[in-house]
Amino acid sequence: MLNGFLVRLECVIVNVYAPNEAASRQELWSVLYQLKSVPQIPWCIGGDSNKIKALCERSGGNRVDRNMR
C-alpha cells in the first residue's frame, strides 16, 4: 500500500520480491545498484528480500545455503 502526499517530489519506488537462490538474488541487487547510480533522486525500496537474520526465523523448505548461516 502506498499512502501519503507527494507534492513536487520526484522519487523512485521499487517493490522487490527477491529470488530464493543466492546467485539470482546477488544479480538482482547488482542490477538495482547499477540503476541507483543513474538518477540522483531519492529511492524507496520495499518488499521481500528473501533474507533471514537467523535460522530460527526460517519456515518451510529443507535446503540451507551458505547465505543462511
C-alpha atoms as a PDB file:
ATOM      1  CA  MET A   1       0.000   0.000   0.000  1.00  0.00           C
ATOM      2  CA  LEU A   2       1.267   3.434  -0.905  1.00  0.00           C
ATOM      3  CA  ASN A   3      -0.250   6.220   1.113  1.00  0.00           C
ATOM      4  CA  GLY A   4       0.643   9.860   1.553  1.00  0.00           C
ATOM      5  CA  PHE A   5       1.076  13.186  -0.178  1.00  0.00           C
ATOM      6  CA  LEU A   6       3.727  13.841  -2.778  1.00  0.00           C
ATOM      7  CA  VAL A   7       3.942  17.457  -3.835  1.00  0.00           C
ATOM      8  CA  ARG A   8       6.715  18.256  -6.291  1.00  0.00           C
ATOM      9  CA  LEU A   9       8.770  15.326  -5.045  1.00  0.00           C
ATOM     10  CA  GLU A  10      10.389  13.171  -7.667  1.00  0.00           C
ATOM     11  CA  CYS A  11      11.285   9.722  -6.358  1.00  0.00           C
ATOM     12  CA  VAL A  12      11.688   6.097  -7.387  1.00  0.00           C
ATOM     13  CA  ILE A  13       9.602   3.462  -5.607  1.00  0.00           C
ATOM     14  CA  VAL A  14      10.795  -0.128  -6.023  1.00  0.00           C
ATOM     15  CA  ASN A  15       8.883  -3.208  -4.884  1.00  0.00           C
ATOM     16  CA  VAL A  16      11.258  -6.177  -4.632  1.00  0.00           C
ATOM     17  CA  TYR A  17      10.442  -9.858  -4.458  1.00  0.00           C
ATOM     18  CA  ALA A  18      13.922 -11.371  -4.484  1.00  0.00           C
ATOM     19  CA  PRO A  19      14.621 -14.901  -5.725  1.00  0.00           C
ATOM     20  CA  ASN A  20      15.377 -17.687  -3.243  1.00  0.00           C
ATOM     21  CA  GLU A  21      18.635 -18.655  -4.980  1.00  0.00           C
ATOM     22  CA  ALA A  22      21.671 -16.753  -3.682  1.00  0.00           C
ATOM     23  CA  ALA A  23      23.225 -16.190  -7.133  1.00  0.00           C
ATOM     24  CA  SER A  24      19.982 -14.802  -8.572  1.00  0.00           C
ATOM     25  CA  ARG A  25      19.489 -12.629  -5.505  1.00  0.00           C
ATOM     26  CA  GLN A  26      23.016 -11.247  -5.849  1.00  0.00           C
ATOM     27  CA  GLU A  27      22.339 -10.455  -9.523  1.00  0.00           C
ATOM     28  CA  LEU A  28      19.134  -8.596  -8.581  1.00  0.00           C
ATOM     29  CA  TRP A  29      20.944  -6.395  -6.037  1.00  0.00           C
ATOM     30  CA  SER A  30      23.733  -5.760  -8.531  1.00  0.00           C
ATOM     31  CA  VAL A  31      21.216  -4.532 -11.125  1.00  0.00           C
ATOM     32  CA  LEU A  32      19.450  -2.347  -8.548  1.00  0.00           C
ATOM     33  CA  TYR A  33      22.791  -0.861  -7.518  1.00  0.00           C
ATOM     34  CA  GLN A  34      23.592  -0.031 -11.165  1.00  0.00           C
ATOM     35  CA  LEU A  35      20.178   1.583 -11.659  1.00  0.00           C
ATOM     36  CA  LYS A  36      20.560   3.629  -8.489  1.00  0.00           C
ATOM     37  CA  SER A  37      23.776   5.193  -9.756  1.00  0.00           C
ATOM     38  CA  VAL A  38      21.961   6.759 -12.741  1.00  0.00           C
ATOM     39  CA  PRO A  39      19.289   9.077 -11.294  1.00  0.00           C
ATOM     40  CA  GLN A  40      20.221  11.335  -8.414  1.00  0.00           C
ATOM     41  CA  ILE A  41      16.763  11.241  -6.867  1.00  0.00           C
ATOM     42  CA  PRO A  42      15.546   9.563  -3.645  1.00  0.00           C
ATOM     43  CA  TRP A  43      14.646   5.872  -3.691  1.00  0.00           C
ATOM     44  CA  CYS A  44      12.242   3.896  -1.528  1.00  0.00           C
ATOM     45  CA  ILE A  45      12.779   0.124  -1.645  1.00  0.00           C
ATOM     46  CA  GLY A  46      10.393  -2.326  -0.010  1.00  0.00           C
ATOM     47  CA  GLY A  47       9.254  -5.893  -0.403  1.00  0.00           C
ATOM     48  CA  ASP A  48      10.634  -9.340   0.350  1.00  0.00           C
ATOM     49  CA  SER A  49      14.404  -9.694   0.078  1.00  0.00           C
ATOM     50  CA  ASN A  50      14.239 -13.427   0.947  1.00  0.00           C
ATOM     51  CA  LYS A  51      16.951 -12.989   3.568  1.00  0.00           C
ATOM     52  CA  ILE A  52      16.832 -14.113   7.171  1.00  0.00           C
ATOM     53  CA  LYS A  53      18.909 -12.970  10.105  1.00  0.00           C
ATOM     54  CA  ALA A  54      18.890 -16.293  11.961  1.00  0.00           C
ATOM     55  CA  LEU A  55      17.989 -19.869  11.034  1.00  0.00           C
ATOM     56  CA  CYS A  56      15.229 -19.853  13.670  1.00  0.00           C
ATOM     57  CA  GLU A  57      13.376 -17.260  11.528  1.00  0.00           C
ATOM     58  CA  ARG A  58      13.178 -19.699   8.618  1.00  0.00           C
ATOM     59  CA  SER A  59       9.975 -21.576   7.878  1.00  0.00           C
ATOM     60  CA  GLY A  60       9.355 -24.282   5.302  1.00  0.00           C
ATOM     61  CA  GLY A  61      11.741 -25.925   2.886  1.00  0.00           C
ATOM     62  CA  ASN A  62      14.692 -28.094   3.724  1.00  0.00           C
ATOM     63  CA  ARG A  63      17.625 -26.522   1.892  1.00  0.00           C
ATOM     64  CA  VAL A  64      20.072 -24.318   3.781  1.00  0.00           C
ATOM     65  CA  ASP A  65      22.533 -22.443   1.589  1.00  0.00           C
ATOM     66  CA  ARG A  66      25.667 -20.679   2.796  1.00  0.00           C
ATOM     67  CA  ASN A  67      23.889 -17.303   2.855  1.00  0.00           C
ATOM     68  CA  MET A  68      21.544 -18.559   5.583  1.00  0.00           C
ATOM     69  CA  ARG A  69      24.345 -19.375   8.031  1.00  0.00           C
END
